[in-house]
Amino acid sequence: MSLNHHSWEEITDKDEIAKILDDINNQPLEFAPQQEVDIHGETVEKFVELVLDCGWAFISDESSLYDFGLIDDVTKLEAKIKEVFGVDVSDIEDKNLLKIFERIDSSKPLI
C-alpha cells in the first residue's frame, strides 16, 4: 500500500502503518533544485531577512509564498514585498518565489 493511493484515515492496520513509515524513513531526502533561485542571491537574502523576517529559509525554484503562510499571511507578504521592493506581485497566481524574484530583479534600474 502506498500513500499515493490512500489517505492516512483509510489505513487502520498498525503493521501497515509501520511498514509505510519504515519505507518513508528509508528514502533519501531530496531537495528541489535551486539553480534558478541562486541567480537572484542578493534579492533572496533581502527577501528572507526583510519580508519573511527570519534569519534563514530554504528556498527552491519551486517554493511559493504559500510555503511561508496561510492565505491571509500571503496577502500580508505581498504587501511587505511591495513595501520593501516597490513591486506589486499580487497578480502572480501561483505565488512562485522564483517568478517574484525575477519580477523584483527586472524592476531594478540597470547600472
PDB file of N, CA and C in Angstrom:
ATOM      1  N   MET A   1       0.847  -1.178   0.000  1.00  0.00           N
ATOM      2  CA  MET A   1       0.000   0.000   0.000  1.00  0.00           C
ATOM      3  C   MET A   1       0.888   1.235   0.000  1.00  0.00           C
ATOM      4  N   SER A   2       0.482   2.216  -0.713  1.00  0.00           N
ATOM      5  CA  SER A   2       1.246   3.454  -0.825  1.00  0.00           C
ATOM      6  C   SER A   2       0.363   4.629  -0.452  1.00  0.00           C
ATOM      7  N   LEU A   3       0.949   5.644   0.143  1.00  0.00           N
ATOM      8  CA  LEU A   3       0.169   6.828   0.493  1.00  0.00           C
ATOM      9  C   LEU A   3      -0.284   7.585  -0.744  1.00  0.00           C
ATOM     10  N   ASN A   4       0.328   7.290  -1.879  1.00  0.00           N
ATOM     11  CA  ASN A   4      -0.113   7.933  -3.106  1.00  0.00           C
ATOM     12  C   ASN A   4      -1.532   7.517  -3.472  1.00  0.00           C
ATOM     13  N   HIS A   5      -1.954   6.370  -2.970  1.00  0.00           N
ATOM     14  CA  HIS A   5      -3.263   5.847  -3.334  1.00  0.00           C
ATOM     15  C   HIS A   5      -4.266   5.854  -2.183  1.00  0.00           C
ATOM     16  N   HIS A   6      -3.811   6.082  -0.979  1.00  0.00           N
ATOM     17  CA  HIS A   6      -4.697   6.032   0.177  1.00  0.00           C
ATOM     18  C   HIS A   6      -4.340   7.155   1.146  1.00  0.00           C
ATOM     19  N   SER A   7      -5.331   7.595   1.878  1.00  0.00           N
ATOM     20  CA  SER A   7      -5.052   8.595   2.904  1.00  0.00           C
ATOM     21  C   SER A   7      -4.800   7.881   4.229  1.00  0.00           C
ATOM     22  N   TRP A   8      -4.189   8.593   5.163  1.00  0.00           N
ATOM     23  CA  TRP A   8      -3.913   8.004   6.480  1.00  0.00           C
ATOM     24  C   TRP A   8      -5.189   7.499   7.141  1.00  0.00           C
ATOM     25  N   GLU A   9      -6.308   8.180   6.923  1.00  0.00           N
ATOM     26  CA  GLU A   9      -7.562   7.784   7.565  1.00  0.00           C
ATOM     27  C   GLU A   9      -8.025   6.406   7.097  1.00  0.00           C
ATOM     28  N   GLU A  10      -7.655   6.019   5.881  1.00  0.00           N
ATOM     29  CA  GLU A  10      -8.076   4.727   5.337  1.00  0.00           C
ATOM     30  C   GLU A  10      -7.234   3.570   5.863  1.00  0.00           C
ATOM     31  N   ILE A  11      -6.100   3.862   6.453  1.00  0.00           N
ATOM     32  CA  ILE A  11      -5.194   2.813   6.919  1.00  0.00           C
ATOM     33  C   ILE A  11      -5.465   2.566   8.397  1.00  0.00           C
ATOM     34  N   THR A  12      -5.921   1.370   8.704  1.00  0.00           N
ATOM     35  CA  THR A  12      -6.249   1.056  10.093  1.00  0.00           C
ATOM     36  C   THR A  12      -5.328  -0.002  10.688  1.00  0.00           C
ATOM     37  N   ASP A  13      -4.648  -0.746   9.862  1.00  0.00           N
ATOM     38  CA  ASP A  13      -3.755  -1.807  10.316  1.00  0.00           C
ATOM     39  C   ASP A  13      -2.433  -1.197  10.791  1.00  0.00           C
ATOM     40  N   LYS A  14      -2.121  -1.376  12.075  1.00  0.00           N
ATOM     41  CA  LYS A  14      -0.897  -0.790  12.643  1.00  0.00           C
ATOM     42  C   LYS A  14       0.367  -1.314  11.968  1.00  0.00           C
ATOM     43  N   ASP A  15       0.352  -2.578  11.561  1.00  0.00           N
ATOM     44  CA  ASP A  15       1.515  -3.134  10.861  1.00  0.00           C
ATOM     45  C   ASP A  15       1.713  -2.451   9.506  1.00  0.00           C
ATOM     46  N   GLU A  16       0.618  -2.169   8.832  1.00  0.00           N
ATOM     47  CA  GLU A  16       0.707  -1.482   7.537  1.00  0.00           C
ATOM     48  C   GLU A  16       1.232  -0.056   7.726  1.00  0.00           C
ATOM     49  N   ILE A  17       0.784   0.618   8.764  1.00  0.00           N
ATOM     50  CA  ILE A  17       1.281   1.966   9.066  1.00  0.00           C
ATOM     51  C   ILE A  17       2.773   1.914   9.361  1.00  0.00           C
ATOM     52  N   ALA A  18       3.190   0.934  10.149  1.00  0.00           N
ATOM     53  CA  ALA A  18       4.615   0.791  10.478  1.00  0.00           C
ATOM     54  C   ALA A  18       5.434   0.538   9.217  1.00  0.00           C
ATOM     55  N   LYS A  19       4.911  -0.279   8.297  1.00  0.00           N
ATOM     56  CA  LYS A  19       5.619  -0.562   7.047  1.00  0.00           C
ATOM     57  C   LYS A  19       5.749   0.705   6.205  1.00  0.00           C
ATOM     58  N   ILE A  20       4.689   1.470   6.105  1.00  0.00           N
ATOM     59  CA  ILE A  20       4.724   2.715   5.329  1.00  0.00           C
ATOM     60  C   ILE A  20       5.735   3.686   5.923  1.00  0.00           C
ATOM     61  N   LEU A  21       5.709   3.840   7.248  1.00  0.00           N
ATOM     62  CA  LEU A  21       6.660   4.741   7.904  1.00  0.00           C
ATOM     63  C   LEU A  21       8.092   4.269   7.713  1.00  0.00           C
ATOM     64  N   ASP A  22       8.300   2.959   7.771  1.00  0.00           N
ATOM     65  CA  ASP A  22       9.635   2.414   7.541  1.00  0.00           C
ATOM     66  C   ASP A  22      10.095   2.707   6.112  1.00  0.00           C
ATOM     67  N   ASP A  23       9.181   2.541   5.147  1.00  0.00           N
ATOM     68  CA  ASP A  23       9.507   2.852   3.748  1.00  0.00           C
ATOM     69  C   ASP A  23       9.868   4.323   3.588  1.00  0.00           C
ATOM     70  N   ILE A  24       9.116   5.192   4.233  1.00  0.00           N
ATOM     71  CA  ILE A  24       9.387   6.633   4.164  1.00  0.00           C
ATOM     72  C   ILE A  24      10.743   6.944   4.775  1.00  0.00           C
ATOM     73  N   ASN A  25      11.019   6.366   5.932  1.00  0.00           N
ATOM     74  CA  ASN A  25      12.271   6.646   6.635  1.00  0.00           C
ATOM     75  C   ASN A  25      13.496   6.139   5.891  1.00  0.00           C
ATOM     76  N   ASN A  26      13.328   5.159   5.014  1.00  0.00           N
ATOM     77  CA  ASN A  26      14.457   4.607   4.273  1.00  0.00           C
ATOM     78  C   ASN A  26      14.666   5.271   2.914  1.00  0.00           C
ATOM     79  N   GLN A  27      13.895   6.296   2.623  1.00  0.00           N
ATOM     80  CA  GLN A  27      14.050   7.023   1.366  1.00  0.00           C
ATOM     81  C   GLN A  27      14.979   8.214   1.582  1.00  0.00           C
ATOM     82  N   PRO A  28      15.889   8.448   0.643  1.00  0.00           N
ATOM     83  CA  PRO A  28      16.753   9.625   0.785  1.00  0.00           C
ATOM     84  C   PRO A  28      15.939  10.906   0.626  1.00  0.00           C
ATOM     85  N   LEU A  29      16.300  11.897   1.387  1.00  0.00           N
ATOM     86  CA  LEU A  29      15.637  13.192   1.310  1.00  0.00           C
ATOM     87  C   LEU A  29      16.177  13.934   0.096  1.00  0.00           C
ATOM     88  N   GLU A  30      15.284  14.368  -0.768  1.00  0.00           N
ATOM     89  CA  GLU A  30      15.693  15.094  -1.964  1.00  0.00           C
ATOM     90  C   GLU A  30      15.100  16.493  -1.923  1.00  0.00           C
ATOM     91  N   PHE A  31      15.967  17.479  -2.051  1.00  0.00           N
ATOM     92  CA  PHE A  31      15.514  18.858  -2.096  1.00  0.00           C
ATOM     93  C   PHE A  31      15.248  19.256  -3.542  1.00  0.00           C
ATOM     94  N   ALA A  32      14.286  20.131  -3.732  1.00  0.00           N
ATOM     95  CA  ALA A  32      14.012  20.653  -5.068  1.00  0.00           C
ATOM     96  C   ALA A  32      15.199  21.495  -5.520  1.00  0.00           C
ATOM     97  N   PRO A  33      15.400  21.606  -6.829  1.00  0.00           N
ATOM     98  CA  PRO A  33      16.555  22.361  -7.328  1.00  0.00           C
ATOM     99  C   PRO A  33      16.491  23.844  -6.968  1.00  0.00           C
ATOM    100  N   GLN A  34      17.672  24.447  -6.893  1.00  0.00           N
ATOM    101  CA  GLN A  34      17.790  25.866  -6.548  1.00  0.00           C
ATOM    102  C   GLN A  34      18.561  26.661  -7.602  1.00  0.00           C
ATOM    103  N   GLN A  35      18.880  26.064  -8.732  1.00  0.00           N
ATOM    104  CA  GLN A  35      19.737  26.727  -9.709  1.00  0.00           C
ATOM    105  C   GLN A  35      19.206  28.095 -10.129  1.00  0.00           C
ATOM    106  N   GLU A  36      17.944  28.187 -10.438  1.00  0.00           N
ATOM    107  CA  GLU A  36      17.369  29.455 -10.897  1.00  0.00           C
ATOM    108  C   GLU A  36      17.295  30.475  -9.768  1.00  0.00           C
ATOM    109  N   VAL A  37      16.891  30.030  -8.591  1.00  0.00           N
ATOM    110  CA  VAL A  37      16.799  30.934  -7.441  1.00  0.00           C
ATOM    111  C   VAL A  37      18.176  31.475  -7.083  1.00  0.00           C
ATOM    112  N   ASP A  38      19.199  30.639  -7.202  1.00  0.00           N
ATOM    113  CA  ASP A  38      20.557  31.070  -6.856  1.00  0.00           C
ATOM    114  C   ASP A  38      21.019  32.268  -7.677  1.00  0.00           C
ATOM    115  N   ILE A  39      20.489  32.432  -8.871  1.00  0.00           N
ATOM    116  CA  ILE A  39      20.834  33.574  -9.719  1.00  0.00           C
ATOM    117  C   ILE A  39      20.427  34.887  -9.045  1.00  0.00           C
ATOM    118  N   HIS A  40      19.422  34.833  -8.195  1.00  0.00           N
ATOM    119  CA  HIS A  40      18.863  36.021  -7.545  1.00  0.00           C
ATOM    120  C   HIS A  40      19.327  36.136  -6.092  1.00  0.00           C
ATOM    121  N   GLY A  41      20.554  35.698  -5.814  1.00  0.00           N
ATOM    122  CA  GLY A  41      21.068  35.582  -4.452  1.00  0.00           C
ATOM    123  C   GLY A  41      20.861  36.789  -3.565  1.00  0.00           C
ATOM    124  N   GLU A  42      21.222  37.975  -4.028  1.00  0.00           N
ATOM    125  CA  GLU A  42      21.091  39.183  -3.208  1.00  0.00           C
ATOM    126  C   GLU A  42      19.627  39.476  -2.895  1.00  0.00           C
ATOM    127  N   THR A  43      18.761  39.308  -3.882  1.00  0.00           N
ATOM    128  CA  THR A  43      17.328  39.532  -3.681  1.00  0.00           C
ATOM    129  C   THR A  43      16.763  38.510  -2.705  1.00  0.00           C
ATOM    130  N   VAL A  44      17.179  37.256  -2.832  1.00  0.00           N
ATOM    131  CA  VAL A  44      16.708  36.199  -1.929  1.00  0.00           C
ATOM    132  C   VAL A  44      17.110  36.519  -0.493  1.00  0.00           C
ATOM    133  N   GLU A  45      18.360  36.920  -0.284  1.00  0.00           N
ATOM    134  CA  GLU A  45      18.823  37.256   1.069  1.00  0.00           C
ATOM    135  C   GLU A  45      18.005  38.395   1.667  1.00  0.00           C
ATOM    136  N   LYS A  46      17.774  39.428   0.887  1.00  0.00           N
ATOM    137  CA  LYS A  46      16.988  40.573   1.360  1.00  0.00           C
ATOM    138  C   LYS A  46      15.542  40.152   1.629  1.00  0.00           C
ATOM    139  N   PHE A  47      14.988  39.297   0.762  1.00  0.00           N
ATOM    140  CA  PHE A  47      13.624  38.801   0.914  1.00  0.00           C
ATOM    141  C   PHE A  47      13.477  38.026   2.221  1.00  0.00           C
ATOM    142  N   VAL A  48      14.398  37.117   2.479  1.00  0.00           N
ATOM    143  CA  VAL A  48      14.334  36.298   3.696  1.00  0.00           C
ATOM    144  C   VAL A  48      14.427  37.187   4.930  1.00  0.00           C
ATOM    145  N   GLU A  49      15.341  38.131   4.909  1.00  0.00           N
ATOM    146  CA  GLU A  49      15.550  38.994   6.072  1.00  0.00           C
ATOM    147  C   GLU A  49      14.413  39.989   6.280  1.00  0.00           C
ATOM    148  N   LEU A  50      14.003  40.691   5.223  1.00  0.00           N
ATOM    149  CA  LEU A  50      13.071  41.807   5.382  1.00  0.00           C
ATOM    150  C   LEU A  50      11.604  41.459   5.148  1.00  0.00           C
ATOM    151  N   VAL A  51      11.330  40.462   4.328  1.00  0.00           N
ATOM    152  CA  VAL A  51       9.934  40.087   4.067  1.00  0.00           C
ATOM    153  C   VAL A  51       9.509  38.943   4.981  1.00  0.00           C
ATOM    154  N   LEU A  52      10.293  37.878   4.997  1.00  0.00           N
ATOM    155  CA  LEU A  52       9.949  36.740   5.856  1.00  0.00           C
ATOM    156  C   LEU A  52      10.312  37.002   7.307  1.00  0.00           C
ATOM    157  N   ASP A  53      11.214  37.956   7.533  1.00  0.00           N
ATOM    158  CA  ASP A  53      11.645  38.336   8.881  1.00  0.00           C
ATOM    159  C   ASP A  53      12.220  37.135   9.638  1.00  0.00           C
ATOM    160  N   CYS A  54      13.112  36.416   8.953  1.00  0.00           N
ATOM    161  CA  CYS A  54      13.785  35.303   9.610  1.00  0.00           C
ATOM    162  C   CYS A  54      15.245  35.270   9.164  1.00  0.00           C
ATOM    163  N   GLY A  55      16.056  34.577   9.910  1.00  0.00           N
ATOM    164  CA  GLY A  55      17.477  34.544   9.627  1.00  0.00           C
ATOM    165  C   GLY A  55      17.866  33.607   8.502  1.00  0.00           C
ATOM    166  N   TRP A  56      17.025  32.606   8.221  1.00  0.00           N
ATOM    167  CA  TRP A  56      17.373  31.613   7.215  1.00  0.00           C
ATOM    168  C   TRP A  56      16.107  30.941   6.712  1.00  0.00           C
ATOM    169  N   ALA A  57      16.090  30.582   5.445  1.00  0.00           N
ATOM    170  CA  ALA A  57      14.986  29.808   4.875  1.00  0.00           C
ATOM    171  C   ALA A  57      15.507  29.047   3.669  1.00  0.00           C
ATOM    172  N   PHE A  58      15.059  27.813   3.505  1.00  0.00           N
ATOM    173  CA  PHE A  58      15.385  27.066   2.291  1.00  0.00           C
ATOM    174  C   PHE A  58      14.381  27.474   1.228  1.00  0.00           C
ATOM    175  N   ILE A  59      14.877  28.016   0.131  1.00  0.00           N
ATOM    176  CA  ILE A  59      14.015  28.425  -0.972  1.00  0.00           C
ATOM    177  C   ILE A  59      14.513  27.736  -2.234  1.00  0.00           C
ATOM    178  N   SER A  60      13.612  27.001  -2.868  1.00  0.00           N
ATOM    179  CA  SER A  60      13.958  26.299  -4.107  1.00  0.00           C
ATOM    180  C   SER A  60      13.273  26.989  -5.283  1.00  0.00           C
ATOM    181  N   ASP A  61      13.551  26.481  -6.468  1.00  0.00           N
ATOM    182  CA  ASP A  61      12.915  27.010  -7.674  1.00  0.00           C
ATOM    183  C   ASP A  61      11.403  26.791  -7.641  1.00  0.00           C
ATOM    184  N   GLU A  62      10.937  25.885  -6.799  1.00  0.00           N
ATOM    185  CA  GLU A  62       9.515  25.553  -6.723  1.00  0.00           C
ATOM    186  C   GLU A  62       8.814  26.171  -5.513  1.00  0.00           C
ATOM    187  N   SER A  63       9.528  26.900  -4.678  1.00  0.00           N
ATOM    188  CA  SER A  63       8.933  27.493  -3.473  1.00  0.00           C
ATOM    189  C   SER A  63       7.918  28.571  -3.839  1.00  0.00           C
ATOM    190  N   SER A  64       6.947  28.746  -2.951  1.00  0.00           N
ATOM    191  CA  SER A  64       5.947  29.793  -3.158  1.00  0.00           C
ATOM    192  C   SER A  64       5.682  30.507  -1.838  1.00  0.00           C
ATOM    193  N   LEU A  65       4.983  31.624  -1.927  1.00  0.00           N
ATOM    194  CA  LEU A  65       4.611  32.341  -0.705  1.00  0.00           C
ATOM    195  C   LEU A  65       3.770  31.458   0.208  1.00  0.00           C
ATOM    196  N   TYR A  66       3.007  30.525  -0.383  1.00  0.00           N
ATOM    197  CA  TYR A  66       2.171  29.630   0.413  1.00  0.00           C
ATOM    198  C   TYR A  66       2.999  28.728   1.328  1.00  0.00           C
ATOM    199  N   ASP A  67       4.273  28.538   1.019  1.00  0.00           N
ATOM    200  CA  ASP A  67       5.145  27.740   1.882  1.00  0.00           C
ATOM    201  C   ASP A  67       5.456  28.461   3.190  1.00  0.00           C
ATOM    202  N   PHE A  68       5.174  29.753   3.231  1.00  0.00           N
ATOM    203  CA  PHE A  68       5.551  30.559   4.391  1.00  0.00           C
ATOM    204  C   PHE A  68       4.361  31.190   5.091  1.00  0.00           C
ATOM    205  N   GLY A  69       3.148  30.786   4.737  1.00  0.00           N
ATOM    206  CA  GLY A  69       1.997  31.338   5.435  1.00  0.00           C
ATOM    207  C   GLY A  69       0.685  30.881   4.839  1.00  0.00           C
ATOM    208  N   LEU A  70      -0.359  31.128   5.583  1.00  0.00           N
ATOM    209  CA  LEU A  70      -1.705  30.824   5.122  1.00  0.00           C
ATOM    210  C   LEU A  70      -2.155  31.910   4.154  1.00  0.00           C
ATOM    211  N   ILE A  71      -3.340  31.771   3.593  1.00  0.00           N
ATOM    212  CA  ILE A  71      -3.814  32.717   2.583  1.00  0.00           C
ATOM    213  C   ILE A  71      -3.795  34.148   3.104  1.00  0.00           C
ATOM    214  N   ASP A  72      -4.256  34.384   4.337  1.00  0.00           N
ATOM    215  CA  ASP A  72      -4.224  35.738   4.901  1.00  0.00           C
ATOM    216  C   ASP A  72      -2.789  36.235   5.027  1.00  0.00           C
ATOM    217  N   ASP A  73      -1.883  35.348   5.409  1.00  0.00           N
ATOM    218  CA  ASP A  73      -0.473  35.715   5.542  1.00  0.00           C
ATOM    219  C   ASP A  73       0.128  36.065   4.187  1.00  0.00           C
ATOM    220  N   VAL A  74      -0.290  35.374   3.141  1.00  0.00           N
ATOM    221  CA  VAL A  74       0.238  35.622   1.800  1.00  0.00           C
ATOM    222  C   VAL A  74      -0.093  37.047   1.366  1.00  0.00           C
ATOM    223  N   THR A  75      -1.293  37.502   1.650  1.00  0.00           N
ATOM    224  CA  THR A  75      -1.675  38.877   1.324  1.00  0.00           C
ATOM    225  C   THR A  75      -0.780  39.863   2.063  1.00  0.00           C
ATOM    226  N   LYS A  76      -0.471  39.569   3.314  1.00  0.00           N
ATOM    227  CA  LYS A  76       0.437  40.428   4.089  1.00  0.00           C
ATOM    228  C   LYS A  76       1.852  40.377   3.521  1.00  0.00           C
ATOM    229  N   LEU A  77       2.293  39.193   3.095  1.00  0.00           N
ATOM    230  CA  LEU A  77       3.622  39.064   2.494  1.00  0.00           C
ATOM    231  C   LEU A  77       3.704  39.845   1.184  1.00  0.00           C
ATOM    232  N   GLU A  78       2.634  39.810   0.393  1.00  0.00           N
ATOM    233  CA  GLU A  78       2.612  40.594  -0.849  1.00  0.00           C
ATOM    234  C   GLU A  78       2.735  42.085  -0.550  1.00  0.00           C
ATOM    235  N   ALA A  79       2.042  42.537   0.489  1.00  0.00           N
ATOM    236  CA  ALA A  79       2.132  43.949   0.877  1.00  0.00           C
ATOM    237  C   ALA A  79       3.546  44.291   1.340  1.00  0.00           C
ATOM    238  N   LYS A  80       4.157  43.383   2.072  1.00  0.00           N
ATOM    239  CA  LYS A  80       5.530  43.603   2.553  1.00  0.00           C
ATOM    240  C   LYS A  80       6.512  43.643   1.379  1.00  0.00           C
ATOM    241  N   ILE A  81       6.310  42.792   0.376  1.00  0.00           N
ATOM    242  CA  ILE A  81       7.158  42.803  -0.821  1.00  0.00           C
ATOM    243  C   ILE A  81       7.051  44.158  -1.516  1.00  0.00           C
ATOM    244  N   LYS A  82       5.830  44.673  -1.618  1.00  0.00           N
ATOM    245  CA  LYS A  82       5.631  45.978  -2.260  1.00  0.00           C
ATOM    246  C   LYS A  82       6.315  47.075  -1.453  1.00  0.00           C
ATOM    247  N   GLU A  83       6.221  46.988  -0.132  1.00  0.00           N
ATOM    248  CA  GLU A  83       6.853  47.979   0.742  1.00  0.00           C
ATOM    249  C   GLU A  83       8.383  47.930   0.618  1.00  0.00           C
ATOM    250  N   VAL A  84       8.952  46.740   0.653  1.00  0.00           N
ATOM    251  CA  VAL A  84      10.410  46.580   0.661  1.00  0.00           C
ATOM    252  C   VAL A  84      11.018  46.799  -0.722  1.00  0.00           C
ATOM    253  N   PHE A  85      10.394  46.206  -1.750  1.00  0.00           N
ATOM    254  CA  PHE A  85      10.989  46.220  -3.086  1.00  0.00           C
ATOM    255  C   PHE A  85      10.302  47.177  -4.059  1.00  0.00           C
ATOM    256  N   GLY A  86       9.133  47.706  -3.660  1.00  0.00           N
ATOM    257  CA  GLY A  86       8.405  48.605  -4.550  1.00  0.00           C
ATOM    258  C   GLY A  86       7.805  47.911  -5.757  1.00  0.00           C
ATOM    259  N   VAL A  87       7.500  46.623  -5.607  1.00  0.00           N
ATOM    260  CA  VAL A  87       6.993  45.819  -6.721  1.00  0.00           C
ATOM    261  C   VAL A  87       5.706  45.116  -6.300  1.00  0.00           C
ATOM    262  N   ASP A  88       4.674  45.214  -7.152  1.00  0.00           N
ATOM    263  CA  ASP A  88       3.416  44.517  -6.905  1.00  0.00           C
ATOM    264  C   ASP A  88       3.506  43.122  -7.515  1.00  0.00           C
ATOM    265  N   VAL A  89       3.318  42.106  -6.688  1.00  0.00           N
ATOM    266  CA  VAL A  89       3.380  40.718  -7.166  1.00  0.00           C
ATOM    267  C   VAL A  89       2.050  39.994  -6.985  1.00  0.00           C
ATOM    268  N   SER A  90       1.002  40.744  -6.656  1.00  0.00           N
ATOM    269  CA  SER A  90      -0.289  40.117  -6.354  1.00  0.00           C
ATOM    270  C   SER A  90      -0.896  39.400  -7.554  1.00  0.00           C
ATOM    271  N   ASP A  91      -0.462  39.737  -8.772  1.00  0.00           N
ATOM    272  CA  ASP A  91      -1.011  39.091  -9.962  1.00  0.00           C
ATOM    273  C   ASP A  91      -0.321  37.770 -10.305  1.00  0.00           C
ATOM    274  N   ILE A  92       0.730  37.420  -9.591  1.00  0.00           N
ATOM    275  CA  ILE A  92       1.403  36.138  -9.823  1.00  0.00           C
ATOM    276  C   ILE A  92       0.573  35.064  -9.122  1.00  0.00           C
ATOM    277  N   GLU A  93      -0.233  34.354  -9.913  1.00  0.00           N
ATOM    278  CA  GLU A  93      -1.260  33.477  -9.355  1.00  0.00           C
ATOM    279  C   GLU A  93      -0.728  32.362  -8.475  1.00  0.00           C
ATOM    280  N   ASP A  94       0.348  31.700  -8.896  1.00  0.00           N
ATOM    281  CA  ASP A  94       0.841  30.567  -8.110  1.00  0.00           C
ATOM    282  C   ASP A  94       1.769  31.000  -6.972  1.00  0.00           C
ATOM    283  N   LYS A  95       2.059  32.296  -6.902  1.00  0.00           N
ATOM    284  CA  LYS A  95       2.894  32.892  -5.832  1.00  0.00           C
ATOM    285  C   LYS A  95       4.292  32.279  -5.792  1.00  0.00           C
ATOM    286  N   ASN A  96       4.755  31.766  -6.939  1.00  0.00           N
ATOM    287  CA  ASN A  96       6.083  31.160  -7.040  1.00  0.00           C
ATOM    288  C   ASN A  96       7.157  32.200  -6.743  1.00  0.00           C
ATOM    289  N   LEU A  97       8.056  31.873  -5.828  1.00  0.00           N
ATOM    290  CA  LEU A  97       9.077  32.835  -5.419  1.00  0.00           C
ATOM    291  C   LEU A  97      10.069  33.139  -6.529  1.00  0.00           C
ATOM    292  N   LEU A  98      10.392  32.175  -7.370  1.00  0.00           N
ATOM    293  CA  LEU A  98      11.299  32.442  -8.483  1.00  0.00           C
ATOM    294  C   LEU A  98      10.712  33.526  -9.388  1.00  0.00           C
ATOM    295  N   LYS A  99       9.426  33.419  -9.703  1.00  0.00           N
ATOM    296  CA  LYS A  99       8.768  34.444 -10.527  1.00  0.00           C
ATOM    297  C   LYS A  99       8.790  35.795  -9.817  1.00  0.00           C
ATOM    298  N   ILE A 100       8.591  35.769  -8.505  1.00  0.00           N
ATOM    299  CA  ILE A 100       8.616  37.009  -7.722  1.00  0.00           C
ATOM    300  C   ILE A 100      10.012  37.622  -7.758  1.00  0.00           C
ATOM    301  N   PHE A 101      11.055  36.810  -7.567  1.00  0.00           N
ATOM    302  CA  PHE A 101      12.426  37.328  -7.607  1.00  0.00           C
ATOM    303  C   PHE A 101      12.766  37.868  -8.992  1.00  0.00           C
ATOM    304  N   GLU A 102      12.303  37.187 -10.032  1.00  0.00           N
ATOM    305  CA  GLU A 102      12.542  37.670 -11.398  1.00  0.00           C
ATOM    306  C   GLU A 102      11.888  39.027 -11.603  1.00  0.00           C
ATOM    307  N   ARG A 103      10.673  39.195 -11.088  1.00  0.00           N
ATOM    308  CA  ARG A 103       9.985  40.481 -11.222  1.00  0.00           C
ATOM    309  C   ARG A 103      10.726  41.569 -10.455  1.00  0.00           C
ATOM    310  N   ILE A 104      11.133  41.255  -9.234  1.00  0.00           N
ATOM    311  CA  ILE A 104      11.863  42.237  -8.425  1.00  0.00           C
ATOM    312  C   ILE A 104      13.143  42.653  -9.139  1.00  0.00           C
ATOM    313  N   ASP A 105      13.906  41.677  -9.590  1.00  0.00           N
ATOM    314  CA  ASP A 105      15.187  41.989 -10.226  1.00  0.00           C
ATOM    315  C   ASP A 105      15.015  42.702 -11.562  1.00  0.00           C
ATOM    316  N   SER A 106      13.954  42.395 -12.289  1.00  0.00           N
ATOM    317  CA  SER A 106      13.742  43.072 -13.577  1.00  0.00           C
ATOM    318  C   SER A 106      13.282  44.513 -13.386  1.00  0.00           C
ATOM    319  N   SER A 107      12.806  44.840 -12.185  1.00  0.00           N
ATOM    320  CA  SER A 107      12.360  46.213 -11.923  1.00  0.00           C
ATOM    321  C   SER A 107      13.500  47.116 -11.456  1.00  0.00           C
ATOM    322  N   LYS A 108      14.648  46.512 -11.148  1.00  0.00           N
ATOM    323  CA  LYS A 108      15.795  47.300 -10.692  1.00  0.00           C
ATOM    324  C   LYS A 108      16.400  48.051 -11.869  1.00  0.00           C
ATOM    325  N   PRO A 109      16.804  49.293 -11.634  1.00  0.00           N
ATOM    326  CA  PRO A 109      17.453  50.037 -12.723  1.00  0.00           C
ATOM    327  C   PRO A 109      18.798  49.412 -13.079  1.00  0.00           C
ATOM    328  N   LEU A 110      19.104  49.391 -14.356  1.00  0.00           N
ATOM    329  CA  LEU A 110      20.393  48.868 -14.812  1.00  0.00           C
ATOM    330  C   LEU A 110      21.487  49.881 -14.502  1.00  0.00           C
ATOM    331  N   ILE A 111      22.620  49.383 -14.062  1.00  0.00           N
ATOM    332  CA  ILE A 111      23.733  50.279 -13.701  1.00  0.00           C
ATOM    333  C   ILE A 111      24.722  50.340 -14.840  1.00  0.00           C
TER     334      ILE A 111
END
